[in-house]
Amino acid sequence: YSGFGPNYYNIGWYRQAPGKEREPVSCIVSSDGRTWYED
């Protein structure tokens, strides 16, 4: 990544399978570094 500081926005991953809506997979919360995962 480039163009922003590392701790101002949540950053993570989405995925999209054919015929499906794009869904969040995992992210890092900018405020405290906590992580989140799809079940």
PDB file of all heavy atoms in Angstrom:
ATOM      1  N   TYR A   1       0.812  -1.206   0.000  1.00  0.00           N
ATOM      2  CA  TYR A   1       0.000   0.000   0.000  1.00  0.00           C
ATOM      3  C   TYR A   1       0.853   1.266   0.000  1.00  0.00           C
ATOM      4  O   TYR A   1       1.996   1.276   0.447  1.00  0.00           O
ATOM      5  CB  TYR A   1      -0.972   0.018   1.187  1.00  0.00           C
ATOM      6  CG  TYR A   1      -0.323   0.061   2.560  1.00  0.00           C
ATOM      7  CD1 TYR A   1       0.028   1.269   3.145  1.00  0.00           C
ATOM      8  CD2 TYR A   1      -0.105  -1.110   3.284  1.00  0.00           C
ATOM      9  CE1 TYR A   1       0.602   1.309   4.413  1.00  0.00           C
ATOM     10  CE2 TYR A   1       0.464  -1.076   4.542  1.00  0.00           C
ATOM     11  CZ  TYR A   1       0.818   0.134   5.105  1.00  0.00           C
ATOM     12  OH  TYR A   1       1.383   0.172   6.359  1.00  0.00           O
ATOM     13  N   SER A   2       0.244   2.356  -0.480  1.00  0.00           N
ATOM     14  CA  SER A   2       0.891   3.660  -0.498  1.00  0.00           C
ATOM     15  C   SER A   2      -0.181   4.742  -0.504  1.00  0.00           C
ATOM     16  O   SER A   2      -1.351   4.482  -0.798  1.00  0.00           O
ATOM     17  CB  SER A   2       1.812   3.808  -1.718  1.00  0.00           C
ATOM     18  OG  SER A   2       1.078   3.712  -2.925  1.00  0.00           O
ATOM     19  N   GLY A   3       0.210   5.967  -0.158  1.00  0.00           N
ATOM     20  CA  GLY A   3      -0.697   7.101  -0.230  1.00  0.00           C
ATOM     21  C   GLY A   3      -1.483   7.386   1.037  1.00  0.00           C
ATOM     22  O   GLY A   3      -2.346   8.269   1.035  1.00  0.00           O
ATOM     23  N   PHE A   4      -1.200   6.658   2.111  1.00  0.00           N
ATOM     24  CA  PHE A   4      -1.873   6.908   3.373  1.00  0.00           C
ATOM     25  C   PHE A   4      -1.020   6.399   4.520  1.00  0.00           C
ATOM     26  O   PHE A   4      -0.159   5.545   4.327  1.00  0.00           O
ATOM     27  CB  PHE A   4      -3.261   6.255   3.414  1.00  0.00           C
ATOM     28  CG  PHE A   4      -3.227   4.760   3.337  1.00  0.00           C
ATOM     29  CD1 PHE A   4      -3.241   3.977   4.484  1.00  0.00           C
ATOM     30  CD2 PHE A   4      -3.186   4.118   2.105  1.00  0.00           C
ATOM     31  CE1 PHE A   4      -3.207   2.597   4.410  1.00  0.00           C
ATOM     32  CE2 PHE A   4      -3.154   2.740   2.013  1.00  0.00           C
ATOM     33  CZ  PHE A   4      -3.161   1.983   3.175  1.00  0.00           C
ATOM     34  N   GLY A   5      -1.287   6.926   5.722  1.00  0.00           N
ATOM     35  CA  GLY A   5      -0.615   6.434   6.894  1.00  0.00           C
ATOM     36  C   GLY A   5      -1.203   5.107   7.329  1.00  0.00           C
ATOM     37  O   GLY A   5      -2.372   4.813   7.066  1.00  0.00           O
ATOM     38  N   PRO A   6      -0.411   4.305   8.034  1.00  0.00           N
ATOM     39  CA  PRO A   6      -0.847   2.930   8.329  1.00  0.00           C
ATOM     40  C   PRO A   6      -1.950   2.796   9.360  1.00  0.00           C
ATOM     41  O   PRO A   6      -2.570   1.735   9.428  1.00  0.00           O
ATOM     42  CB  PRO A   6       0.447   2.269   8.827  1.00  0.00           C
ATOM     43  CG  PRO A   6       1.252   3.393   9.398  1.00  0.00           C
ATOM     44  CD  PRO A   6       0.958   4.570   8.521  1.00  0.00           C
ATOM     45  N   ASN A   7      -2.229   3.840  10.144  1.00  0.00           N
ATOM     46  CA  ASN A   7      -3.160   3.698  11.258  1.00  0.00           C
ATOM     47  C   ASN A   7      -4.335   4.665  11.226  1.00  0.00           C
ATOM     48  O   ASN A   7      -4.935   4.951  12.265  1.00  0.00           O
ATOM     49  CB  ASN A   7      -2.410   3.849  12.579  1.00  0.00           C
ATOM     50  CG  ASN A   7      -1.336   2.798  12.751  1.00  0.00           C
ATOM     51  OD1 ASN A   7      -1.600   1.604  12.601  1.00  0.00           O
ATOM     52  ND2 ASN A   7      -0.123   3.233  13.064  1.00  0.00           N
ATOM     53  N   TYR A   8      -4.698   5.153  10.041  1.00  0.00           N
ATOM     54  CA  TYR A   8      -5.822   6.078   9.930  1.00  0.00           C
ATOM     55  C   TYR A   8      -7.112   5.404   9.468  1.00  0.00           C
ATOM     56  O   TYR A   8      -8.201   5.934   9.697  1.00  0.00           O
ATOM     57  CB  TYR A   8      -5.478   7.216   8.967  1.00  0.00           C
ATOM     58  CG  TYR A   8      -4.496   8.204   9.540  1.00  0.00           C
ATOM     59  CD1 TYR A   8      -3.142   8.131   9.216  1.00  0.00           C
ATOM     60  CD2 TYR A   8      -4.914   9.204  10.411  1.00  0.00           C
ATOM     61  CE1 TYR A   8      -2.234   9.032   9.752  1.00  0.00           C
ATOM     62  CE2 TYR A   8      -4.019  10.112  10.947  1.00  0.00           C
ATOM     63  CZ  TYR A   8      -2.676  10.015  10.613  1.00  0.00           C
ATOM     64  OH  TYR A   8      -1.783  10.914  11.146  1.00  0.00           O
ATOM     65  N   TYR A   9      -7.004   4.259   8.807  1.00  0.00           N
ATOM     66  CA  TYR A   9      -8.161   3.546   8.286  1.00  0.00           C
ATOM     67  C   TYR A   9      -8.041   2.064   8.592  1.00  0.00           C
ATOM     68  O   TYR A   9      -6.938   1.521   8.674  1.00  0.00           O
ATOM     69  CB  TYR A   9      -8.278   3.711   6.768  1.00  0.00           C
ATOM     70  CG  TYR A   9      -8.302   5.136   6.280  1.00  0.00           C
ATOM     71  CD1 TYR A   9      -7.131   5.748   5.838  1.00  0.00           C
ATOM     72  CD2 TYR A   9      -9.492   5.857   6.241  1.00  0.00           C
ATOM     73  CE1 TYR A   9      -7.144   7.049   5.380  1.00  0.00           C
ATOM     74  CE2 TYR A   9      -9.507   7.163   5.784  1.00  0.00           C
ATOM     75  CZ  TYR A   9      -8.328   7.750   5.354  1.00  0.00           C
ATOM     76  OH  TYR A   9      -8.346   9.042   4.890  1.00  0.00           O
ATOM     77  N   ASN A  10      -9.200   1.413   8.742  1.00  0.00           N
ATOM     78  CA  ASN A  10      -9.186  -0.045   8.778  1.00  0.00           C
ATOM     79  C   ASN A  10      -8.655  -0.557   7.443  1.00  0.00           C
ATOM     80  O   ASN A  10      -8.940   0.002   6.387  1.00  0.00           O
ATOM     81  CB  ASN A  10     -10.594  -0.595   8.992  1.00  0.00           C
ATOM     82  CG  ASN A  10     -11.184  -0.199  10.320  1.00  0.00           C
ATOM     83  OD1 ASN A  10     -10.495   0.290  11.211  1.00  0.00           O
ATOM     84  ND2 ASN A  10     -12.488  -0.419  10.465  1.00  0.00           N
ATOM     85  N   ILE A  11      -7.883  -1.633   7.490  1.00  0.00           N
ATOM     86  CA  ILE A  11      -7.366  -2.231   6.273  1.00  0.00           C
ATOM     87  C   ILE A  11      -7.565  -3.735   6.351  1.00  0.00           C
ATOM     88  O   ILE A  11      -7.430  -4.334   7.420  1.00  0.00           O
ATOM     89  CB  ILE A  11      -5.885  -1.866   6.043  1.00  0.00           C
ATOM     90  CG1 ILE A  11      -5.436  -2.273   4.643  1.00  0.00           C
ATOM     91  CG2 ILE A  11      -4.988  -2.468   7.118  1.00  0.00           C
ATOM     92  CD1 ILE A  11      -4.125  -1.625   4.219  1.00  0.00           C
ATOM     93  N   GLY A  12      -7.924  -4.337   5.223  1.00  0.00           N
ATOM     94  CA  GLY A  12      -8.157  -5.767   5.253  1.00  0.00           C
ATOM     95  C   GLY A  12      -8.440  -6.346   3.887  1.00  0.00           C
ATOM     96  O   GLY A  12      -8.043  -5.790   2.860  1.00  0.00           O
ATOM     97  N   TRP A  13      -9.129  -7.482   3.904  1.00  0.00           N
ATOM     98  CA  TRP A  13      -9.362  -8.265   2.704  1.00  0.00           C
ATOM     99  C   TRP A  13     -10.835  -8.592   2.523  1.00  0.00           C
ATOM    100  O   TRP A  13     -11.531  -8.942   3.490  1.00  0.00           O
ATOM    101  CB  TRP A  13      -8.573  -9.583   2.756  1.00  0.00           C
ATOM    102  CG  TRP A  13      -7.091  -9.400   2.781  1.00  0.00           C
ATOM    103  CD1 TRP A  13      -6.299  -9.236   3.869  1.00  0.00           C
ATOM    104  CD2 TRP A  13      -6.225  -9.373   1.640  1.00  0.00           C
ATOM    105  NE1 TRP A  13      -4.986  -9.102   3.489  1.00  0.00           N
ATOM    106  CE2 TRP A  13      -4.917  -9.181   2.122  1.00  0.00           C
ATOM    107  CE3 TRP A  13      -6.437  -9.489   0.269  1.00  0.00           C
ATOM    108  CZ2 TRP A  13      -3.816  -9.110   1.274  1.00  0.00           C
ATOM    109  CZ3 TRP A  13      -5.346  -9.410  -0.576  1.00  0.00           C
ATOM    110  CH2 TRP A  13      -4.060  -9.225  -0.069  1.00  0.00           C
ATOM    111  N   TYR A  14     -11.306  -8.469   1.293  1.00  0.00           N
ATOM    112  CA  TYR A  14     -12.600  -8.963   0.852  1.00  0.00           C
ATOM    113  C   TYR A  14     -12.370 -10.067  -0.173  1.00  0.00           C
ATOM    114  O   TYR A  14     -11.268 -10.220  -0.697  1.00  0.00           O
ATOM    115  CB  TYR A  14     -13.434  -7.857   0.202  1.00  0.00           C
ATOM    116  CG  TYR A  14     -14.123  -6.890   1.139  1.00  0.00           C
ATOM    117  CD1 TYR A  14     -13.407  -6.033   1.955  1.00  0.00           C
ATOM    118  CD2 TYR A  14     -15.521  -6.810   1.168  1.00  0.00           C
ATOM    119  CE1 TYR A  14     -14.045  -5.130   2.789  1.00  0.00           C
ATOM    120  CE2 TYR A  14     -16.166  -5.912   1.991  1.00  0.00           C
ATOM    121  CZ  TYR A  14     -15.430  -5.073   2.797  1.00  0.00           C
ATOM    122  OH  TYR A  14     -16.080  -4.174   3.610  1.00  0.00           O
ATOM    123  N   ARG A  15     -13.426 -10.820  -0.474  1.00  0.00           N
ATOM    124  CA  ARG A  15     -13.361 -11.774  -1.566  1.00  0.00           C
ATOM    125  C   ARG A  15     -14.702 -11.824  -2.277  1.00  0.00           C
ATOM    126  O   ARG A  15     -15.741 -11.520  -1.697  1.00  0.00           O
ATOM    127  CB  ARG A  15     -12.960 -13.166  -1.088  1.00  0.00           C
ATOM    128  CG  ARG A  15     -13.970 -13.851  -0.188  1.00  0.00           C
ATOM    129  CD  ARG A  15     -13.405 -15.163   0.342  1.00  0.00           C
ATOM    130  NE  ARG A  15     -14.344 -15.858   1.215  1.00  0.00           N
ATOM    131  CZ  ARG A  15     -14.050 -16.939   1.915  1.00  0.00           C
ATOM    132  NH1 ARG A  15     -12.822 -17.468   1.843  1.00  0.00           N
ATOM    133  NH2 ARG A  15     -14.969 -17.514   2.686  1.00  0.00           N
ATOM    134  N   GLN A  16     -14.670 -12.216  -3.544  1.00  0.00           N
ATOM    135  CA  GLN A  16     -15.877 -12.322  -4.337  1.00  0.00           C
ATOM    136  C   GLN A  16     -15.798 -13.550  -5.227  1.00  0.00           C
ATOM    137  O   GLN A  16     -14.913 -13.652  -6.075  1.00  0.00           O
ATOM    138  CB  GLN A  16     -16.095 -11.070  -5.190  1.00  0.00           C
ATOM    139  CG  GLN A  16     -17.423 -11.053  -5.923  1.00  0.00           C
ATOM    140  CD  GLN A  16     -17.741  -9.696  -6.518  1.00  0.00           C
ATOM    141  OE1 GLN A  16     -16.841  -8.903  -6.797  1.00  0.00           O
ATOM    142  NE2 GLN A  16     -19.018  -9.429  -6.706  1.00  0.00           N
ATOM    143  N   ALA A  17     -16.720 -14.475  -5.010  1.00  0.00           N
ATOM    144  CA  ALA A  17     -16.837 -15.663  -5.836  1.00  0.00           C
ATOM    145  C   ALA A  17     -17.808 -15.388  -6.979  1.00  0.00           C
ATOM    146  O   ALA A  17     -18.667 -14.503  -6.873  1.00  0.00           O
ATOM    147  CB  ALA A  17     -17.322 -16.845  -5.002  1.00  0.00           C
ATOM    148  N   PRO A  18     -17.701 -16.134  -8.086  1.00  0.00           N
ATOM    149  CA  PRO A  18     -18.627 -15.925  -9.213  1.00  0.00           C
ATOM    150  C   PRO A  18     -20.084 -16.024  -8.778  1.00  0.00           C
ATOM    151  O   PRO A  18     -20.469 -16.974  -8.096  1.00  0.00           O
ATOM    152  CB  PRO A  18     -18.257 -17.051 -10.178  1.00  0.00           C
ATOM    153  CG  PRO A  18     -16.827 -17.354  -9.870  1.00  0.00           C
ATOM    154  CD  PRO A  18     -16.710 -17.172  -8.379  1.00  0.00           C
ATOM    155  N   GLY A  19     -20.885 -15.035  -9.162  1.00  0.00           N
ATOM    156  CA  GLY A  19     -22.297 -15.022  -8.828  1.00  0.00           C
ATOM    157  C   GLY A  19     -22.614 -14.628  -7.404  1.00  0.00           C
ATOM    158  O   GLY A  19     -23.787 -14.641  -7.019  1.00  0.00           O
ATOM    159  N   LYS A  20     -21.600 -14.285  -6.624  1.00  0.00           N
ATOM    160  CA  LYS A  20     -21.795 -13.931  -5.226  1.00  0.00           C
ATOM    161  C   LYS A  20     -21.421 -12.475  -4.972  1.00  0.00           C
ATOM    162  O   LYS A  20     -20.663 -11.865  -5.722  1.00  0.00           O
ATOM    163  CB  LYS A  20     -20.954 -14.831  -4.316  1.00  0.00           C
ATOM    164  CG  LYS A  20     -21.260 -16.313  -4.427  1.00  0.00           C
ATOM    165  CD  LYS A  20     -22.643 -16.624  -3.893  1.00  0.00           C
ATOM    166  CE  LYS A  20     -22.912 -18.131  -3.924  1.00  0.00           C
ATOM    167  NZ  LYS A  20     -22.014 -18.867  -2.995  1.00  0.00           N
ATOM    168  N   GLU A  21     -21.976 -11.928  -3.895  1.00  0.00           N
ATOM    169  CA  GLU A  21     -21.642 -10.575  -3.483  1.00  0.00           C
ATOM    170  C   GLU A  21     -20.261 -10.548  -2.840  1.00  0.00           C
ATOM    171  O   GLU A  21     -19.848 -11.504  -2.183  1.00  0.00           O
ATOM    172  CB  GLU A  21     -22.702 -10.078  -2.498  1.00  0.00           C
ATOM    173  CG  GLU A  21     -22.515  -8.650  -2.035  1.00  0.00           C
ATOM    174  CD  GLU A  21     -23.641  -8.192  -1.131  1.00  0.00           C
ATOM    175  OE1 GLU A  21     -24.807  -8.562  -1.397  1.00  0.00           O
ATOM    176  OE2 GLU A  21     -23.364  -7.466  -0.157  1.00  0.00           O
ATOM    177  N   ARG A  22     -19.546  -9.464  -3.038  1.00  0.00           N
ATOM    178  CA  ARG A  22     -18.254  -9.300  -2.397  1.00  0.00           C
ATOM    179  C   ARG A  22     -18.443  -9.254  -0.878  1.00  0.00           C
ATOM    180  O   ARG A  22     -19.315  -8.542  -0.372  1.00  0.00           O
ATOM    181  CB  ARG A  22     -17.578  -8.025  -2.896  1.00  0.00           C
ATOM    182  CG  ARG A  22     -16.120  -7.910  -2.511  1.00  0.00           C
ATOM    183  CD  ARG A  22     -15.461  -6.702  -3.182  1.00  0.00           C
ATOM    184  NE  ARG A  22     -15.470  -6.812  -4.635  1.00  0.00           N
ATOM    185  CZ  ARG A  22     -14.902  -5.946  -5.457  1.00  0.00           C
ATOM    186  NH1 ARG A  22     -14.250  -4.887  -4.961  1.00  0.00           N
ATOM    187  NH2 ARG A  22     -14.972  -6.117  -6.763  1.00  0.00           N
ATOM    188  N   GLU A  23     -17.634 -10.028  -0.149  1.00  0.00           N
ATOM    189  CA  GLU A  23     -17.808 -10.145   1.286  1.00  0.00           C
ATOM    190  C   GLU A  23     -16.496  -9.892   2.022  1.00  0.00           C
ATOM    191  O   GLU A  23     -15.418 -10.238   1.527  1.00  0.00           O
ATOM    192  CB  GLU A  23     -18.339 -11.531   1.664  1.00  0.00           C
ATOM    193  CG  GLU A  23     -17.385 -12.659   1.334  1.00  0.00           C
ATOM    194  CD  GLU A  23     -17.885 -14.014   1.792  1.00  0.00           C
ATOM    195  OE1 GLU A  23     -18.987 -14.086   2.368  1.00  0.00           O
ATOM    196  OE2 GLU A  23     -17.172 -15.014   1.572  1.00  0.00           O
ATOM    197  N   PRO A  24     -16.573  -9.307   3.222  1.00  0.00           N
ATOM    198  CA  PRO A  24     -15.355  -9.107   4.012  1.00  0.00           C
ATOM    199  C   PRO A  24     -14.846 -10.434   4.562  1.00  0.00           C
ATOM    200  O   PRO A  24     -15.626 -11.292   4.983  1.00  0.00           O
ATOM    201  CB  PRO A  24     -15.800  -8.172   5.134  1.00  0.00           C
ATOM    202  CG  PRO A  24     -17.268  -8.430   5.267  1.00  0.00           C
ATOM    203  CD  PRO A  24     -17.762  -8.737   3.878  1.00  0.00           C
ATOM    204  N   VAL A  25     -13.529 -10.585   4.570  1.00  0.00           N
ATOM    205  CA  VAL A  25     -12.877 -11.792   5.060  1.00  0.00           C
ATOM    206  C   VAL A  25     -12.144 -11.534   6.369  1.00  0.00           C
ATOM    207  O   VAL A  25     -12.275 -12.289   7.328  1.00  0.00           O
ATOM    208  CB  VAL A  25     -11.899 -12.351   4.011  1.00  0.00           C
ATOM    209  CG1 VAL A  25     -11.157 -13.565   4.560  1.00  0.00           C
ATOM    210  CG2 VAL A  25     -12.633 -12.706   2.728  1.00  0.00           C
ATOM    211  N   SER A  26     -11.374 -10.448   6.404  1.00  0.00           N
ATOM    212  CA  SER A  26     -10.573 -10.133   7.576  1.00  0.00           C
ATOM    213  C   SER A  26     -10.145  -8.678   7.518  1.00  0.00           C
ATOM    214  O   SER A  26      -9.967  -8.125   6.436  1.00  0.00           O
ATOM    215  CB  SER A  26      -9.340 -11.042   7.639  1.00  0.00           C
ATOM    216  OG  SER A  26      -8.565 -10.780   8.790  1.00  0.00           O
ATOM    217  N   CYS A  27      -9.973  -8.053   8.680  1.00  0.00           N
ATOM    218  CA  CYS A  27      -9.463  -6.691   8.700  1.00  0.00           C
ATOM    219  C   CYS A  27      -8.711  -6.415   9.987  1.00  0.00           C
ATOM    220  O   CYS A  27      -8.852  -7.141  10.977  1.00  0.00           O
ATOM    221  CB  CYS A  27     -10.583  -5.656   8.495  1.00  0.00           C
ATOM    222  SG  CYS A  27     -11.658  -5.405   9.916  1.00  0.00           S
ATOM    223  N   ILE A  28      -7.924  -5.346   9.942  1.00  0.00           N
ATOM    224  CA  ILE A  28      -7.231  -4.828  11.113  1.00  0.00           C
ATOM    225  C   ILE A  28      -7.845  -3.477  11.439  1.00  0.00           C
ATOM    226  O   ILE A  28      -7.900  -2.589  10.583  1.00  0.00           O
ATOM    227  CB  ILE A  28      -5.721  -4.679  10.861  1.00  0.00           C
ATOM    228  CG1 ILE A  28      -5.107  -6.026  10.479  1.00  0.00           C
ATOM    229  CG2 ILE A  28      -5.029  -4.105  12.096  1.00  0.00           C
ATOM    230  CD1 ILE A  28      -3.663  -5.937  10.038  1.00  0.00           C
ATOM    231  N   VAL A  29      -8.313  -3.300  12.666  1.00  0.00           N
ATOM    232  CA  VAL A  29      -8.954  -2.068  13.086  1.00  0.00           C
ATOM    233  C   VAL A  29      -7.885  -1.015  13.356  1.00  0.00           C
ATOM    234  O   VAL A  29      -6.940  -1.256  14.114  1.00  0.00           O
ATOM    235  CB  VAL A  29      -9.811  -2.293  14.341  1.00  0.00           C
ATOM    236  CG1 VAL A  29     -10.478  -0.998  14.777  1.00  0.00           C
ATOM    237  CG2 VAL A  29     -10.847  -3.370  14.075  1.00  0.00           C
ATOM    238  N   SER A  30      -8.042   0.165  12.751  1.00  0.00           N
ATOM    239  CA  SER A  30      -7.002   1.181  12.816  1.00  0.00           C
ATOM    240  C   SER A  30      -6.770   1.725  14.217  1.00  0.00           C
ATOM    241  O   SER A  30      -5.645   2.072  14.574  1.00  0.00           O
ATOM    242  CB  SER A  30      -7.328   2.328  11.862  1.00  0.00           C
ATOM    243  OG  SER A  30      -8.532   2.974  12.239  1.00  0.00           O
ATOM    244  N   SER A  31      -7.832   1.823  15.023  1.00  0.00           N
ATOM    245  CA  SER A  31      -7.731   2.489  16.315  1.00  0.00           C
ATOM    246  C   SER A  31      -6.858   1.743  17.313  1.00  0.00           C
ATOM    247  O   SER A  31      -6.159   2.373  18.111  1.00  0.00           O
ATOM    248  CB  SER A  31      -9.122   2.697  16.908  1.00  0.00           C
ATOM    249  OG  SER A  31      -9.811   1.474  17.059  1.00  0.00           O
ATOM    250  N   ASP A  32      -6.883   0.424  17.289  1.00  0.00           N
ATOM    251  CA  ASP A  32      -6.158  -0.331  18.301  1.00  0.00           C
ATOM    252  C   ASP A  32      -5.453  -1.577  17.782  1.00  0.00           C
ATOM    253  O   ASP A  32      -4.850  -2.306  18.566  1.00  0.00           O
ATOM    254  CB  ASP A  32      -7.088  -0.718  19.454  1.00  0.00           C
ATOM    255  CG  ASP A  32      -8.277  -1.554  19.019  1.00  0.00           C
ATOM    256  OD1 ASP A  32      -8.320  -1.977  17.845  1.00  0.00           O
ATOM    257  OD2 ASP A  32      -9.176  -1.771  19.852  1.00  0.00           O
ATOM    258  N   GLY A  33      -5.550  -1.851  16.483  1.00  0.00           N
ATOM    259  CA  GLY A  33      -4.870  -2.992  15.905  1.00  0.00           C
ATOM    260  C   GLY A  33      -5.575  -4.319  16.078  1.00  0.00           C
ATOM    261  O   GLY A  33      -5.002  -5.363  15.726  1.00  0.00           O
ATOM    262  N   ARG A  34      -6.782  -4.318  16.612  1.00  0.00           N
ATOM    263  CA  ARG A  34      -7.537  -5.561  16.738  1.00  0.00           C
ATOM    264  C   ARG A  34      -7.810  -6.153  15.367  1.00  0.00           C
ATOM    265  O   ARG A  34      -7.921  -5.439  14.370  1.00  0.00           O
ATOM    266  CB  ARG A  34      -8.857  -5.327  17.464  1.00  0.00           C
ATOM    267  CG  ARG A  34      -8.714  -5.066  18.951  1.00  0.00           C
ATOM    268  CD  ARG A  34     -10.077  -4.864  19.616  1.00  0.00           C
ATOM    269  NE  ARG A  34     -10.721  -3.648  19.148  1.00  0.00           N
ATOM    270  CZ  ARG A  34     -11.836  -3.616  18.426  1.00  0.00           C
ATOM    271  NH1 ARG A  34     -12.453  -4.745  18.097  1.00  0.00           N
ATOM    272  NH2 ARG A  34     -12.337  -2.460  18.057  1.00  0.00           N
ATOM    273  N   THR A  35      -7.916  -7.460  15.317  1.00  0.00           N
ATOM    274  CA  THR A  35      -8.214  -8.154  14.075  1.00  0.00           C
ATOM    275  C   THR A  35      -9.602  -8.765  14.117  1.00  0.00           C
ATOM    276  O   THR A  35     -10.117  -9.113  15.181  1.00  0.00           O
ATOM    277  CB  THR A  35      -7.185  -9.257  13.794  1.00  0.00           C
ATOM    278  OG1 THR A  35      -7.168 -10.196  14.879  1.00  0.00           O
ATOM    279  CG2 THR A  35      -5.797  -8.657  13.632  1.00  0.00           C
ATOM    280  N   TRP A  36     -10.200  -8.889  12.944  1.00  0.00           N
ATOM    281  CA  TRP A  36     -11.522  -9.476  12.794  1.00  0.00           C
ATOM    282  C   TRP A  36     -11.476 -10.484  11.655  1.00  0.00           C
ATOM    283  O   TRP A  36     -10.806 -10.255  10.649  1.00  0.00           O
ATOM    284  CB  TRP A  36     -12.560  -8.392  12.484  1.00  0.00           C
ATOM    285  CG  TRP A  36     -13.913  -8.944  12.140  1.00  0.00           C
ATOM    286  CD1 TRP A  36     -14.926  -9.230  12.994  1.00  0.00           C
ATOM    287  CD2 TRP A  36     -14.374  -9.295  10.823  1.00  0.00           C
ATOM    288  NE1 TRP A  36     -15.999  -9.737  12.306  1.00  0.00           N
ATOM    289  CE2 TRP A  36     -15.692  -9.782  10.979  1.00  0.00           C
ATOM    290  CE3 TRP A  36     -13.803  -9.239   9.548  1.00  0.00           C
ATOM    291  CZ2 TRP A  36     -16.447 -10.221   9.889  1.00  0.00           C
ATOM    292  CZ3 TRP A  36     -14.557  -9.674   8.467  1.00  0.00           C
ATOM    293  CH2 TRP A  36     -15.853 -10.152   8.648  1.00  0.00           C
ATOM    294  N   TYR A  37     -12.204 -11.603  11.838  1.00  0.00           N
ATOM    295  CA  TYR A  37     -12.275 -12.643  10.826  1.00  0.00           C
ATOM    296  C   TYR A  37     -13.713 -13.080  10.601  1.00  0.00           C
ATOM    297  O   TYR A  37     -14.492 -13.212  11.556  1.00  0.00           O
ATOM    298  CB  TYR A  37     -11.464 -13.871  11.233  1.00  0.00           C
ATOM    299  CG  TYR A  37      -9.992 -13.605  11.400  1.00  0.00           C
ATOM    300  CD1 TYR A  37      -9.465 -13.255  12.637  1.00  0.00           C
ATOM    301  CD2 TYR A  37      -9.126 -13.703  10.313  1.00  0.00           C
ATOM    302  CE1 TYR A  37      -8.114 -13.005  12.787  1.00  0.00           C
ATOM    303  CE2 TYR A  37      -7.775 -13.457  10.460  1.00  0.00           C
ATOM    304  CZ  TYR A  37      -7.278 -13.106  11.694  1.00  0.00           C
ATOM    305  OH  TYR A  37      -5.929 -12.861  11.841  1.00  0.00           O
ATOM    306  N   GLU A  38     -14.047 -13.316   9.348  1.00  0.00           N
ATOM    307  CA  GLU A  38     -15.326 -13.927   9.019  1.00  0.00           C
ATOM    308  C   GLU A  38     -15.342 -15.344   9.594  1.00  0.00           C
ATOM    309  O   GLU A  38     -14.313 -16.023   9.638  1.00  0.00           O
ATOM    310  CB  GLU A  38     -15.512 -13.934   7.501  1.00  0.00           C
ATOM    311  CG  GLU A  38     -16.941 -14.143   7.040  1.00  0.00           C
ATOM    312  CD  GLU A  38     -17.302 -15.605   6.962  1.00  0.00           C
ATOM    313  OE1 GLU A  38     -16.409 -16.421   6.658  1.00  0.00           O
ATOM    314  OE2 GLU A  38     -18.484 -15.935   7.202  1.00  0.00           O
ATOM    315  N   ASP A  39     -16.511 -15.791  10.034  1.00  0.00           N
ATOM    316  CA  ASP A  39     -16.592 -17.051  10.767  1.00  0.00           C
ATOM    317  C   ASP A  39     -15.996 -18.237  10.004  1.00  0.00           C
ATOM    318  O   ASP A  39     -15.348 -19.102  10.604  1.00  0.00           O
ATOM    319  CB  ASP A  39     -18.046 -17.371  11.115  1.00  0.00           C
ATOM    320  CG  ASP A  39     -18.591 -16.511  12.233  1.00  0.00           C
ATOM    321  OD1 ASP A  39     -17.781 -15.873  12.944  1.00  0.00           O
ATOM    322  OD2 ASP A  39     -19.816 -16.475  12.408  1.00  0.00           O
TER     323      ASP A  39
END
